[in-house]
Amino acid sequence: MEKKWWHDKVAYQIYPKSFLDTNGDGIGDLRGIISKLDYLKKLGIDIIWLSPIYKSPFVDQGYDIADYYAIAEEFGTMEEFDELLAEAKKRDMHIIMDLVINHCSDKHEWFQKALADPDGAFADYFYFRKGKNGNPPSNYRSYFGGSCWEKVPGTDKYYFHMFAKEQPDLNWENPKLRQELYKMINWWLEKGLSGFRIDAIINIKKDLNFPDFAPDGKDGLASCWKMVESVDGVGELLEDLKKSTFEKYDAFTVGEVFNMKPDELPEFIGETGHFSTIFDFSAHTLTDGEHGWYDAPKLEFAKWRAAIIQAQLETQKYGFKANIIENHDEPRGASRFLPSYAQTPDGIKMLGTISLLLRGIPFIYQGQEIGMRNAKWNSMEEFDDISTKDQYHTAREAGLSNQEALEVCSRMSRDNARTPMQWTSGENGGFTKGTPWLKVNPLFKDVNVEAQEQDPDSVLNYYRKLVALRKSDELKEVFTYGKFLPEYENVDGVMAFYRKDESKCILVAANFGKDAATIKLKSEIEKVWLSNRIDGTVDSEKDSLNLRSCEVVVLELENHK
């Protein structure tokens, strides 16, 4: 495998709106991010991914872009962005941005021109189609609910949107449109950006016939992803994108890819893949409901373990995936992946250790490093997220009571990850001196950076040790390029694996069970690298290891080849 500059890096996702507000308007800003670069450096972060900061009406929190060349004034100015790039570079850190190019905002100049002339050149930047027998062109349901087709005012045409109606899909079959996008991407890379996280990119390939599918809901519509899964040829578009942009700059790219066909993994992340990496969502999709959040199955540890192991074994044949516990589109991982008895500092450290020491590129989401959990939501009025509101209505239509639907949304809402970062135990968790755009999680008084800075045994200080261990001179090679080998899969509640190369054999073992567990070691312990016990010790005998509930250890074993 050709070694790349990003292989041994640790990344951190910032959701700018909720990170730190410095001007009192209740919205996080670039100045807040700049002020916390030293905090991130101390955590061991190399790559910072910023969720969208472009000019936007914020119908979908900035994933509806009105101007790809402008910074939203809510976040600051282009001069402040340039300062962020320069300050990050001084600290040997890289900035990557969100690239949202499946769709734009309905306020974008291109779409406004398309509406003004539905038969003109700009209409072909989108998908404008005539209806059928007084109905939309096809029966697709958007990701946010309702039809994917919206009437073009004053015409017999509709335009296509897989997300909100304010997010019209861009027509990637149009070479002029593609060149406009490539020019924009290269402009940012010339500016000094190190790469992009690429949003919803699998959706760019459409079946231009837009055939109907069998309805899968009471609304008579079919999920739009069925069309995505049925069509071939996205690879050609992605290769054109890579060769016209990312490849020229040795840029780091991480794709948000769902609905990938089983045999396509090497095409996406192999030696000459479309992207540097893609996120591993295998654990997250275990709680996808058939019809929505309301019928989402409960997480089972055995299935979670099996999903991660399968993804690791499959991926290491070809390249790297990006490993996450949570992001801005998911509820908090500590609340989702840990049973109630494990939603403690020890349990959170355990979950973090497993994630960060898997093979692949670790991504930490803001607040994960202090163990932020889901908030308590008292009413639907407290939510902001467009998807959460749609899921509430879906649950109610399925027969759930108001309280039951609220509980579903409280458990699964993306707003759980978007509550403001908890810096202190003071007003609004130290996020803002104004009124926060989204409520602060009430847990901030107990879970915050300031308190954890003072506690040597805190989740934050453990994460610092964990990241430092992964990047240490002694272990960087084995944690970056070493094989992943699962172990003790037959032991209930235990998630364990080796990271192994020619010179090192590292065992990572965690007990997610409620009771203590004992495992037989295959060789002798040479060194204890990390433990989430306060005294840093392990309970072992010559050939066995005893693990308390929620205990995790990182051990170097005699290397048996």
Protein backbone atom coordinates (compact mmCIF):
# COMPACT_ATOMS: atom_id res chain seq x y z
CA MET A 1 0.00 0.00 0.00
CA GLU A 2 1.28 3.46 -0.91
CA LYS A 3 1.58 5.50 2.27
CA LYS A 4 -0.36 8.78 2.35
CA TRP A 5 -0.04 11.80 4.61
CA TRP A 6 -3.46 11.22 6.21
CA HIS A 7 -3.11 7.53 7.11
CA ASP A 8 -1.84 8.10 10.66
CA LYS A 9 -3.93 11.17 11.45
CA VAL A 10 -6.73 11.71 13.97
CA ALA A 11 -9.66 13.88 12.88
CA TYR A 12 -12.18 15.99 14.80
CA GLN A 13 -15.55 17.19 13.53
CA ILE A 14 -16.73 20.66 14.46
CA TYR A 15 -20.38 21.60 14.09
CA PRO A 16 -19.65 25.35 13.96
CA LYS A 17 -23.10 26.57 14.94
CA SER A 18 -22.79 24.75 18.28
CA PHE A 19 -19.05 24.95 19.03
CA LEU A 20 -18.35 28.36 20.60
CA ASP A 21 -20.04 31.75 20.22
CA THR A 22 -17.78 34.77 20.75
CA ASN A 23 -20.09 37.67 19.78
CA GLY A 24 -23.15 36.84 21.89
CA ASP A 25 -25.62 36.12 19.07
CA GLY A 26 -26.18 32.54 20.28
CA ILE A 27 -24.53 31.00 17.20
CA GLY A 28 -21.03 29.52 17.17
CA ASP A 29 -18.52 31.26 14.92
CA LEU A 30 -15.10 31.06 13.28
CA ARG A 31 -13.56 33.24 15.98
CA GLY A 32 -14.66 30.63 18.52
CA ILE A 33 -13.00 27.86 16.53
CA ILE A 34 -9.75 29.84 16.23
CA SER A 35 -9.74 30.37 19.99
CA LYS A 36 -9.90 26.61 20.64
CA LEU A 37 -7.19 25.41 18.26
CA ASP A 38 -4.78 24.92 21.15
CA TYR A 39 -7.41 22.85 22.97
CA LEU A 40 -7.71 20.60 19.90
CA LYS A 41 -3.94 20.41 19.49
CA LYS A 42 -3.62 19.25 23.11
CA LEU A 43 -6.20 16.55 22.38
CA GLY A 44 -3.92 15.34 19.57
CA ILE A 45 -6.05 16.39 16.60
CA ASP A 46 -4.45 16.62 13.13
CA ILE A 47 -7.45 17.19 10.84
CA ILE A 48 -10.44 19.43 11.61
CA TRP A 49 -13.63 18.87 9.60
CA LEU A 50 -15.98 21.84 9.59
CA SER A 51 -19.65 21.21 8.89
CA PRO A 52 -20.97 23.76 6.34
CA ILE A 53 -20.09 27.42 6.89
CA TYR A 54 -21.14 28.64 3.44
CA LYS A 55 -23.81 31.28 2.83
CA SER A 56 -27.16 29.56 3.38
CA PRO A 57 -30.80 30.10 4.39
CA PHE A 58 -30.20 27.25 6.92
CA VAL A 59 -33.33 25.26 6.07
CA ASP A 60 -31.16 22.18 6.63
CA GLN A 61 -28.45 23.71 8.83
CA GLY A 62 -26.21 24.88 6.02
CA TYR A 63 -26.54 21.78 3.85
CA ASP A 64 -28.56 24.06 1.58
CA ILE A 65 -25.85 26.28 0.06
CA ALA A 66 -26.80 29.58 -1.57
CA ASP A 67 -23.24 30.64 -2.48
CA TYR A 68 -20.31 28.20 -2.57
CA TYR A 69 -17.79 31.07 -2.55
CA ALA A 70 -19.08 32.95 0.52
CA ILE A 71 -18.93 32.42 4.28
CA ALA A 72 -22.27 32.73 6.08
CA GLU A 73 -22.21 36.00 8.00
CA GLU A 74 -23.56 34.14 11.05
CA PHE A 75 -20.14 32.44 11.26
CA GLY A 76 -17.89 35.33 10.29
CA THR A 77 -15.96 36.54 7.28
CA MET A 78 -13.66 35.12 4.61
CA GLU A 79 -10.81 37.00 6.31
CA GLU A 80 -11.52 35.08 9.52
CA PHE A 81 -11.60 31.84 7.57
CA ASP A 82 -8.19 32.67 6.07
CA GLU A 83 -6.95 33.38 9.59
CA LEU A 84 -8.25 29.98 10.72
CA LEU A 85 -6.35 28.29 7.88
CA ALA A 86 -3.16 30.16 8.78
CA GLU A 87 -3.44 29.47 12.52
CA ALA A 88 -4.15 25.78 11.91
CA LYS A 89 -1.13 25.56 9.61
CA LYS A 90 1.08 27.07 12.35
CA ARG A 91 0.04 24.16 14.57
CA ASP A 92 0.59 21.57 11.82
CA MET A 93 -3.17 20.97 11.61
CA HIS A 94 -5.30 20.56 8.51
CA ILE A 95 -8.74 22.01 7.75
CA ILE A 96 -11.27 20.16 5.62
CA MET A 97 -14.73 21.46 4.76
CA ASP A 98 -18.06 19.88 3.98
CA LEU A 99 -18.67 19.57 0.24
CA VAL A 100 -22.38 19.52 -0.55
CA ILE A 101 -22.72 19.01 -4.29
CA ASN A 102 -25.65 16.63 -4.73
CA HIS A 103 -27.91 19.64 -4.23
CA CYS A 104 -27.81 23.35 -3.46
CA SER A 105 -30.23 25.87 -1.99
CA ASP A 106 -33.29 27.09 -3.86
CA LYS A 107 -31.85 30.57 -3.17
CA HIS A 108 -28.73 29.80 -5.21
CA GLU A 109 -28.30 32.02 -8.27
CA TRP A 110 -28.42 28.98 -10.59
CA PHE A 111 -31.81 27.85 -9.32
CA GLN A 112 -33.26 31.36 -9.32
CA LYS A 113 -32.26 31.66 -12.98
CA ALA A 114 -33.78 28.24 -13.67
CA LEU A 115 -37.10 29.30 -12.15
CA ALA A 116 -37.06 32.52 -14.17
CA ASP A 117 -36.62 30.52 -17.40
CA PRO A 118 -37.74 26.89 -16.94
CA ASP A 119 -36.82 26.11 -20.56
CA GLY A 120 -33.44 27.86 -20.44
CA ALA A 121 -29.87 26.70 -19.90
CA PHE A 122 -29.95 26.93 -16.11
CA ALA A 123 -32.97 24.64 -15.88
CA ASP A 124 -30.62 21.93 -17.14
CA TYR A 125 -28.44 22.48 -14.05
CA PHE A 126 -31.32 20.71 -12.26
CA TYR A 127 -33.97 18.10 -13.05
CA PHE A 128 -37.04 19.81 -14.47
CA ARG A 129 -39.63 17.34 -15.74
CA LYS A 130 -43.25 17.43 -16.86
CA GLY A 131 -45.78 15.67 -14.66
CA LYS A 132 -47.78 12.59 -15.59
CA ASN A 133 -51.56 12.81 -15.79
CA GLY A 134 -51.68 15.72 -13.36
CA ASN A 135 -49.32 13.96 -10.92
CA PRO A 136 -45.59 14.30 -10.25
CA PRO A 137 -43.22 12.55 -12.70
CA SER A 138 -42.64 9.63 -10.31
CA ASN A 139 -43.67 8.34 -6.90
CA TYR A 140 -40.47 8.94 -4.90
CA ARG A 141 -40.49 9.95 -1.25
CA SER A 142 -37.74 12.34 -0.20
CA TYR A 143 -35.37 11.59 2.68
CA PHE A 144 -37.24 14.20 4.72
CA GLY A 145 -40.73 12.94 3.79
CA GLY A 146 -43.24 13.92 1.11
CA SER A 147 -42.75 13.81 -2.65
CA CYS A 148 -39.34 14.35 -4.24
CA TRP A 149 -41.05 16.53 -6.83
CA GLU A 150 -42.09 20.16 -6.36
CA LYS A 151 -44.16 22.19 -8.83
CA VAL A 152 -42.30 24.88 -10.80
CA PRO A 153 -44.63 27.88 -10.39
CA GLY A 154 -46.58 28.90 -13.51
CA THR A 155 -45.61 25.80 -15.53
CA ASP A 156 -46.58 22.17 -15.98
CA LYS A 157 -43.11 21.13 -14.76
CA TYR A 158 -41.72 19.84 -11.49
CA TYR A 159 -38.18 19.96 -10.09
CA PHE A 160 -36.51 17.08 -8.26
CA HIS A 161 -35.21 17.17 -4.67
CA MET A 162 -34.15 14.13 -2.63
CA PHE A 163 -33.96 16.19 0.56
CA ALA A 164 -36.04 19.28 1.43
CA LYS A 165 -37.92 21.11 -1.31
CA GLU A 166 -35.53 24.00 -0.67
CA GLN A 167 -32.65 21.72 -1.75
CA PRO A 168 -33.00 21.08 -5.51
CA ASP A 169 -30.76 18.27 -6.82
CA LEU A 170 -27.99 19.26 -9.22
CA ASN A 171 -27.88 17.58 -12.65
CA TRP A 172 -24.53 15.80 -12.78
CA GLU A 173 -25.20 14.67 -16.34
CA ASN A 174 -24.68 18.29 -17.44
CA PRO A 175 -20.96 18.86 -18.22
CA LYS A 176 -21.32 22.64 -17.75
CA LEU A 177 -22.65 22.14 -14.24
CA ARG A 178 -19.81 19.73 -13.42
CA GLN A 179 -17.19 22.21 -14.60
CA GLU A 180 -18.72 24.93 -12.42
CA LEU A 181 -18.49 22.62 -9.40
CA TYR A 182 -14.92 21.57 -10.20
CA LYS A 183 -13.84 25.20 -10.54
CA MET A 184 -15.32 25.96 -7.11
CA ILE A 185 -13.65 22.93 -5.46
CA ASN A 186 -10.25 23.86 -6.91
CA TRP A 187 -10.69 27.44 -5.71
CA TRP A 188 -10.96 26.22 -2.11
CA LEU A 189 -8.05 23.81 -2.49
CA GLU A 190 -5.90 26.62 -3.94
CA LYS A 191 -6.80 28.63 -0.86
CA GLY A 192 -5.06 26.04 1.33
CA LEU A 193 -7.83 23.64 2.27
CA SER A 194 -6.51 20.10 2.80
CA GLY A 195 -9.62 18.32 1.53
CA PHE A 196 -13.33 17.67 2.00
CA ARG A 197 -15.93 15.52 3.64
CA ILE A 198 -18.30 14.81 0.76
CA ASP A 199 -21.99 14.85 1.60
CA ALA A 200 -24.59 12.40 0.25
CA ILE A 201 -22.42 11.83 -2.83
CA ILE A 202 -23.87 8.47 -3.90
CA ASN A 203 -27.09 10.31 -4.81
CA ILE A 204 -25.57 12.21 -7.75
CA LYS A 205 -26.32 9.40 -10.21
CA LYS A 206 -29.96 9.30 -11.23
CA ASP A 207 -32.05 7.10 -13.49
CA LEU A 208 -33.07 9.83 -15.92
CA ASN A 209 -36.28 7.94 -16.72
CA PHE A 210 -37.31 8.29 -13.05
CA PRO A 211 -39.37 5.06 -13.11
CA ASP A 212 -41.98 4.38 -10.44
CA PHE A 213 -41.30 1.80 -7.72
CA ALA A 214 -43.72 -0.25 -5.67
CA PRO A 215 -45.00 1.93 -2.79
CA ASP A 216 -43.50 1.12 0.62
CA GLY A 217 -45.72 3.32 2.79
CA LYS A 218 -49.29 4.39 3.39
CA ASP A 219 -48.63 7.60 1.45
CA GLY A 220 -48.36 5.62 -1.80
CA LEU A 221 -44.74 6.68 -2.27
CA ALA A 222 -41.50 4.70 -2.53
CA SER A 223 -38.25 5.66 -0.79
CA CYS A 224 -36.01 7.59 -3.17
CA TRP A 225 -32.97 5.48 -2.25
CA LYS A 226 -34.57 2.63 -4.24
CA MET A 227 -33.83 4.59 -7.40
CA VAL A 228 -30.25 5.22 -6.18
CA GLU A 229 -29.69 1.51 -5.57
CA SER A 230 -31.11 0.52 -8.96
CA VAL A 231 -28.86 2.68 -11.12
CA ASP A 232 -25.28 2.07 -12.28
CA GLY A 233 -22.56 4.50 -13.33
CA VAL A 234 -21.86 6.65 -10.27
CA GLY A 235 -18.22 5.53 -10.42
CA GLU A 236 -17.61 7.32 -13.72
CA LEU A 237 -18.86 10.58 -12.24
CA LEU A 238 -16.78 10.13 -9.09
CA GLU A 239 -13.63 9.40 -11.10
CA ASP A 240 -14.18 12.53 -13.18
CA LEU A 241 -14.61 14.50 -9.94
CA LYS A 242 -11.41 13.06 -8.43
CA LYS A 243 -9.22 13.56 -11.48
CA SER A 244 -10.50 17.10 -12.06
CA THR A 245 -10.00 18.22 -8.46
CA PHE A 246 -8.77 16.20 -5.45
CA GLU A 247 -6.03 14.24 -7.20
CA LYS A 248 -4.25 17.41 -8.35
CA TYR A 249 -3.79 18.58 -4.76
CA ASP A 250 -3.18 15.28 -2.91
CA ALA A 251 -6.33 16.21 -0.99
CA PHE A 252 -7.83 14.10 1.80
CA THR A 253 -11.40 13.11 1.02
CA VAL A 254 -13.90 11.25 3.17
CA GLY A 255 -17.14 10.21 1.53
CA GLU A 256 -20.55 9.90 3.14
CA VAL A 257 -21.61 6.80 1.27
CA PHE A 258 -24.77 4.80 1.83
CA ASN A 259 -26.40 2.39 -0.63
CA MET A 260 -23.06 1.22 -2.02
CA LYS A 261 -23.22 -2.07 -3.90
CA PRO A 262 -21.41 -4.93 -2.09
CA ASP A 263 -18.59 -5.31 -4.64
CA GLU A 264 -17.86 -1.59 -4.98
CA LEU A 265 -15.71 -1.07 -1.85
CA PRO A 266 -12.34 -1.31 -3.68
CA GLU A 267 -13.58 1.20 -6.25
CA PHE A 268 -14.36 3.66 -3.48
CA ILE A 269 -11.34 3.30 -1.18
CA GLY A 270 -8.84 1.01 -2.91
CA GLU A 271 -5.35 2.08 -4.01
CA THR A 272 -6.87 4.13 -6.82
CA GLY A 273 -10.28 4.63 -5.18
CA HIS A 274 -12.61 7.57 -5.64
CA PHE A 275 -11.93 8.78 -2.07
CA SER A 276 -9.21 8.58 0.57
CA THR A 277 -11.74 6.94 2.89
CA ILE A 278 -15.46 6.60 3.58
CA PHE A 279 -17.27 6.52 6.91
CA ASP A 280 -18.12 3.17 8.44
CA PHE A 281 -21.83 3.34 9.29
CA SER A 282 -22.23 -0.42 9.80
CA ALA A 283 -22.99 -0.09 13.53
CA HIS A 284 -25.29 2.90 13.05
CA THR A 285 -27.50 1.19 10.47
CA LEU A 286 -28.34 -1.55 13.00
CA THR A 287 -30.92 0.78 14.52
CA ASP A 288 -32.52 1.84 11.22
CA GLY A 289 -36.25 1.25 11.36
CA GLU A 290 -38.09 -0.26 8.41
CA HIS A 291 -40.48 2.68 8.23
CA GLY A 292 -38.80 5.29 10.42
CA TRP A 293 -37.42 5.93 13.87
CA TYR A 294 -40.59 4.68 15.53
CA ASP A 295 -39.94 1.05 14.60
CA ALA A 296 -36.15 1.19 15.01
CA PRO A 297 -34.89 -2.03 16.64
CA LYS A 298 -32.99 -1.88 19.92
CA LEU A 299 -29.25 -2.28 19.65
CA GLU A 300 -27.95 -5.74 20.49
CA PHE A 301 -24.31 -6.01 21.57
CA ALA A 302 -23.65 -9.21 19.60
CA LYS A 303 -24.90 -7.63 16.36
CA TRP A 304 -22.92 -4.45 17.04
CA ARG A 305 -19.74 -6.45 17.60
CA ALA A 306 -20.33 -8.57 14.51
CA ALA A 307 -21.00 -5.52 12.32
CA ILE A 308 -17.75 -3.82 13.33
CA ILE A 309 -15.71 -6.99 12.94
CA GLN A 310 -17.16 -7.71 9.50
CA ALA A 311 -16.51 -4.12 8.33
CA GLN A 312 -12.93 -4.21 9.63
CA LEU A 313 -12.08 -7.55 8.01
CA GLU A 314 -13.61 -6.55 4.68
CA THR A 315 -12.07 -3.07 4.60
CA GLN A 316 -8.49 -4.01 5.42
CA LYS A 317 -8.29 -5.94 2.14
CA TYR A 318 -8.52 -2.67 0.22
CA GLY A 319 -7.87 0.44 2.31
CA PHE A 320 -9.13 2.44 5.27
CA LYS A 321 -12.55 3.46 6.52
CA ALA A 322 -13.16 6.40 8.82
CA ASN A 323 -14.35 5.18 12.23
CA ILE A 324 -16.94 7.16 14.15
CA ILE A 325 -19.02 6.81 17.29
CA GLU A 326 -21.23 9.77 16.42
CA ASN A 327 -21.55 12.81 14.16
CA HIS A 328 -23.94 15.71 13.55
CA ASP A 329 -26.48 13.39 11.89
CA GLU A 330 -26.68 10.84 14.70
CA PRO A 331 -27.70 10.81 18.37
CA ARG A 332 -24.87 10.70 20.91
CA GLY A 333 -22.97 7.42 20.81
CA ALA A 334 -22.70 7.08 24.59
CA SER A 335 -26.52 7.00 24.74
CA ARG A 336 -26.93 4.83 21.65
CA PHE A 337 -24.25 2.15 21.93
CA LEU A 338 -23.92 1.74 25.70
CA PRO A 339 -26.54 0.08 27.94
CA SER A 340 -27.74 2.24 30.82
CA TYR A 341 -25.34 0.66 33.34
CA ALA A 342 -22.41 1.53 31.06
CA GLN A 343 -23.32 5.19 30.46
CA THR A 344 -20.62 6.18 32.93
CA PRO A 345 -17.11 7.63 32.55
CA ASP A 346 -15.67 4.09 32.50
CA GLY A 347 -18.14 2.92 29.86
CA ILE A 348 -17.54 6.01 27.72
CA LYS A 349 -13.76 5.52 27.94
CA MET A 350 -14.25 1.89 26.94
CA LEU A 351 -16.31 2.77 23.86
CA GLY A 352 -13.79 5.44 22.84
CA THR A 353 -10.87 3.03 23.15
CA ILE A 354 -12.49 0.49 20.85
CA SER A 355 -13.31 3.13 18.22
CA LEU A 356 -9.95 4.89 18.22
CA LEU A 357 -7.83 1.74 18.04
CA LEU A 358 -9.68 0.04 15.19
CA ARG A 359 -7.94 -0.03 11.84
CA GLY A 360 -8.84 3.11 9.95
CA ILE A 361 -8.91 6.85 10.46
CA PRO A 362 -10.55 7.87 13.75
CA PHE A 363 -12.98 10.80 13.79
CA ILE A 364 -13.97 12.37 17.10
CA TYR A 365 -17.11 14.51 17.15
CA GLN A 366 -17.19 17.63 19.30
CA GLY A 367 -18.17 16.77 22.87
CA GLN A 368 -17.42 13.07 22.42
CA GLU A 369 -14.10 13.64 24.19
CA ILE A 370 -15.93 14.74 27.36
CA GLY A 371 -18.64 12.09 27.15
CA MET A 372 -21.61 14.22 26.09
CA ARG A 373 -24.85 12.24 26.00
CA ASN A 374 -28.35 12.74 24.61
CA ALA A 375 -30.33 15.63 26.04
CA LYS A 376 -33.72 15.39 27.73
CA TRP A 377 -36.39 16.85 25.43
CA ASN A 378 -39.63 18.05 27.01
CA SER A 379 -41.64 18.92 23.90
CA MET A 380 -41.36 18.95 20.11
CA GLU A 381 -41.05 22.74 20.25
CA GLU A 382 -37.54 22.32 21.64
CA PHE A 383 -36.31 20.60 18.46
CA ASP A 384 -34.95 22.46 15.45
CA ASP A 385 -34.06 19.62 13.08
CA ILE A 386 -36.19 19.25 9.93
CA SER A 387 -35.72 15.46 9.90
CA THR A 388 -36.84 15.10 13.53
CA LYS A 389 -40.08 16.96 12.82
CA ASP A 390 -40.76 14.68 9.86
CA GLN A 391 -40.08 11.56 11.96
CA TYR A 392 -42.44 12.81 14.67
CA HIS A 393 -45.27 13.07 12.11
CA THR A 394 -44.38 9.64 10.71
CA ALA A 395 -44.60 8.14 14.20
CA ARG A 396 -47.94 9.84 14.92
CA GLU A 397 -49.38 8.65 11.60
CA ALA A 398 -48.28 5.11 12.53
CA GLY A 399 -50.46 5.31 15.65
CA LEU A 400 -48.03 6.38 18.36
CA SER A 401 -49.26 8.82 21.00
CA ASN A 402 -47.77 12.28 21.31
CA GLN A 403 -45.65 11.15 24.28
CA GLU A 404 -44.49 7.98 22.53
CA ALA A 405 -43.52 9.92 19.39
CA LEU A 406 -41.67 12.48 21.53
CA GLU A 407 -39.74 9.68 23.25
CA VAL A 408 -38.77 8.22 19.86
CA CYS A 409 -37.48 11.61 18.70
CA SER A 410 -35.69 12.20 22.01
CA ARG A 411 -33.80 8.96 21.53
CA MET A 412 -32.96 9.28 17.83
CA SER A 413 -32.88 13.00 16.96
CA ARG A 414 -29.86 14.57 15.30
CA ASP A 415 -30.37 17.54 17.62
CA ASN A 416 -28.85 15.41 20.40
CA ALA A 417 -25.50 15.90 18.69
CA ARG A 418 -26.19 19.56 17.91
CA THR A 419 -26.78 20.90 21.42
CA PRO A 420 -24.03 23.43 22.24
CA MET A 421 -20.58 22.30 23.30
CA GLN A 422 -20.25 22.20 27.08
CA TRP A 423 -17.18 24.28 28.01
CA THR A 424 -17.96 25.24 31.62
CA SER A 425 -20.53 24.80 34.38
CA GLY A 426 -21.47 28.47 34.01
CA GLU A 427 -24.25 30.15 32.04
CA ASN A 428 -25.18 28.21 28.88
CA GLY A 429 -22.25 25.86 29.51
CA GLY A 430 -19.85 28.62 28.49
CA PHE A 431 -21.07 28.36 24.88
CA THR A 432 -22.60 31.85 24.63
CA LYS A 433 -23.40 34.94 26.67
CA GLY A 434 -26.54 35.35 24.56
CA THR A 435 -29.50 33.06 23.92
CA PRO A 436 -28.29 29.78 22.37
CA TRP A 437 -29.86 28.86 19.02
CA LEU A 438 -30.60 25.38 20.43
CA LYS A 439 -31.01 24.53 24.07
CA VAL A 440 -27.97 23.54 26.10
CA ASN A 441 -28.02 19.96 27.41
CA PRO A 442 -28.87 20.23 31.14
CA LEU A 443 -26.04 17.81 31.89
CA PHE A 444 -23.53 20.63 31.26
CA LYS A 445 -23.20 21.36 34.97
CA ASP A 446 -21.66 17.93 35.53
CA VAL A 447 -20.14 17.26 32.09
CA ASN A 448 -17.94 20.09 30.81
CA VAL A 449 -14.40 20.78 29.65
CA GLU A 450 -13.45 23.07 32.55
CA ALA A 451 -14.23 20.48 35.23
CA GLN A 452 -12.58 17.67 33.29
CA GLU A 453 -9.39 19.69 32.74
CA GLN A 454 -8.96 19.65 36.54
CA ASP A 455 -9.65 15.92 36.96
CA PRO A 456 -6.74 13.65 35.92
CA ASP A 457 -9.16 10.70 35.66
CA SER A 458 -11.74 12.49 33.49
CA VAL A 459 -12.98 11.28 30.12
CA LEU A 460 -11.18 14.23 28.48
CA ASN A 461 -7.80 13.41 29.99
CA TYR A 462 -8.30 9.74 29.11
CA TYR A 463 -9.04 10.68 25.48
CA ARG A 464 -5.81 12.70 25.43
CA LYS A 465 -3.87 9.66 26.60
CA LEU A 466 -5.69 7.43 24.13
CA VAL A 467 -4.94 9.66 21.13
CA ALA A 468 -1.32 10.08 22.24
CA LEU A 469 -0.98 6.29 22.50
CA ARG A 470 -2.30 5.77 18.97
CA LYS A 471 0.16 8.34 17.63
CA SER A 472 3.15 7.34 19.81
CA ASP A 473 6.46 6.50 18.14
CA GLU A 474 6.31 2.96 19.52
CA LEU A 475 2.77 2.13 18.37
CA LYS A 476 1.91 4.47 15.48
CA GLU A 477 2.94 1.93 12.85
CA VAL A 478 0.95 -1.01 14.24
CA PHE A 479 -2.15 1.13 14.92
CA THR A 480 -2.00 2.62 11.41
CA TYR A 481 -1.00 -0.28 9.18
CA GLY A 482 -1.22 -3.33 11.45
CA LYS A 483 -3.80 -6.02 10.74
CA PHE A 484 -7.10 -6.19 12.62
CA LEU A 485 -7.71 -9.68 14.00
CA PRO A 486 -10.84 -10.34 16.09
CA GLU A 487 -10.58 -12.48 19.21
CA TYR A 488 -12.91 -13.92 21.91
CA GLU A 489 -16.00 -13.60 19.71
CA ASN A 490 -17.56 -16.48 21.65
CA VAL A 491 -17.32 -14.66 24.99
CA ASP A 492 -20.56 -12.85 25.82
CA GLY A 493 -20.19 -9.10 26.26
CA VAL A 494 -16.52 -8.97 25.26
CA MET A 495 -15.26 -6.94 22.29
CA ALA A 496 -11.60 -7.75 21.66
CA PHE A 497 -9.14 -7.64 18.81
CA TYR A 498 -5.45 -7.67 18.02
CA ARG A 499 -3.63 -4.98 16.08
CA LYS A 500 -0.65 -6.81 14.73
CA ASP A 501 2.36 -6.41 12.46
CA GLU A 502 5.77 -8.09 12.13
CA SER A 503 7.09 -6.59 15.36
CA LYS A 504 4.08 -5.92 17.60
CA CYS A 505 1.00 -7.73 18.87
CA ILE A 506 -1.40 -5.43 20.69
CA LEU A 507 -4.56 -6.78 22.34
CA VAL A 508 -7.47 -4.40 22.89
CA ALA A 509 -10.08 -6.04 25.13
CA ALA A 510 -13.26 -4.57 26.58
CA ASN A 511 -16.06 -5.99 28.71
CA PHE A 512 -19.40 -4.45 27.73
CA GLY A 513 -21.26 -6.91 29.96
CA LYS A 514 -22.85 -6.20 33.31
CA ASP A 515 -20.84 -8.94 35.04
CA ALA A 516 -17.11 -9.57 35.22
CA ALA A 517 -15.53 -11.69 32.47
CA THR A 518 -12.40 -13.79 32.22
CA ILE A 519 -10.54 -14.51 28.99
CA LYS A 520 -7.65 -16.90 28.36
CA LEU A 521 -4.60 -15.15 26.95
CA LYS A 522 -2.79 -16.73 23.99
CA SER A 523 0.61 -15.42 25.11
CA GLU A 524 2.22 -13.54 27.97
CA ILE A 525 1.70 -9.84 28.65
CA GLU A 526 4.82 -7.83 27.83
CA LYS A 527 3.44 -4.41 28.69
CA VAL A 528 0.25 -2.70 29.84
CA TRP A 529 -0.14 0.32 27.57
CA LEU A 530 -3.52 1.61 28.76
CA SER A 531 -6.32 0.77 31.18
CA ASN A 532 -9.41 2.70 32.20
CA ARG A 533 -8.91 1.66 35.81
CA ILE A 534 -7.95 4.68 37.90
CA ASP A 535 -4.70 3.04 39.00
CA GLY A 536 -3.93 1.94 35.44
CA THR A 537 -3.44 -1.70 36.41
CA VAL A 538 -4.86 -4.95 35.04
CA ASP A 539 -6.08 -8.05 36.85
CA SER A 540 -4.20 -10.89 35.19
CA GLU A 541 -2.63 -14.21 35.90
CA LYS A 542 -0.13 -16.07 33.75
CA ASP A 543 -2.60 -17.09 31.06
CA SER A 544 -5.82 -15.25 31.89
CA LEU A 545 -7.21 -11.73 32.09
CA ASN A 546 -10.06 -10.68 34.36
CA LEU A 547 -12.18 -7.75 33.19
CA ARG A 548 -14.62 -5.87 35.37
CA SER A 549 -17.83 -4.58 33.84
CA CYS A 550 -16.95 -1.62 31.55
CA GLU A 551 -13.22 -2.27 31.79
CA VAL A 552 -10.95 -1.88 28.76
CA VAL A 553 -7.25 -2.67 28.48
CA VAL A 554 -4.59 -2.21 25.80
CA LEU A 555 -1.86 -4.82 26.21
CA GLU A 556 1.28 -5.70 24.33
CA LEU A 557 1.62 -9.47 24.12
CA GLU A 558 4.54 -11.62 23.19
CA ASN A 559 4.30 -11.57 19.41
CA HIS A 560 3.15 -15.01 18.29
CA LYS A 561 3.45 -15.07 14.51
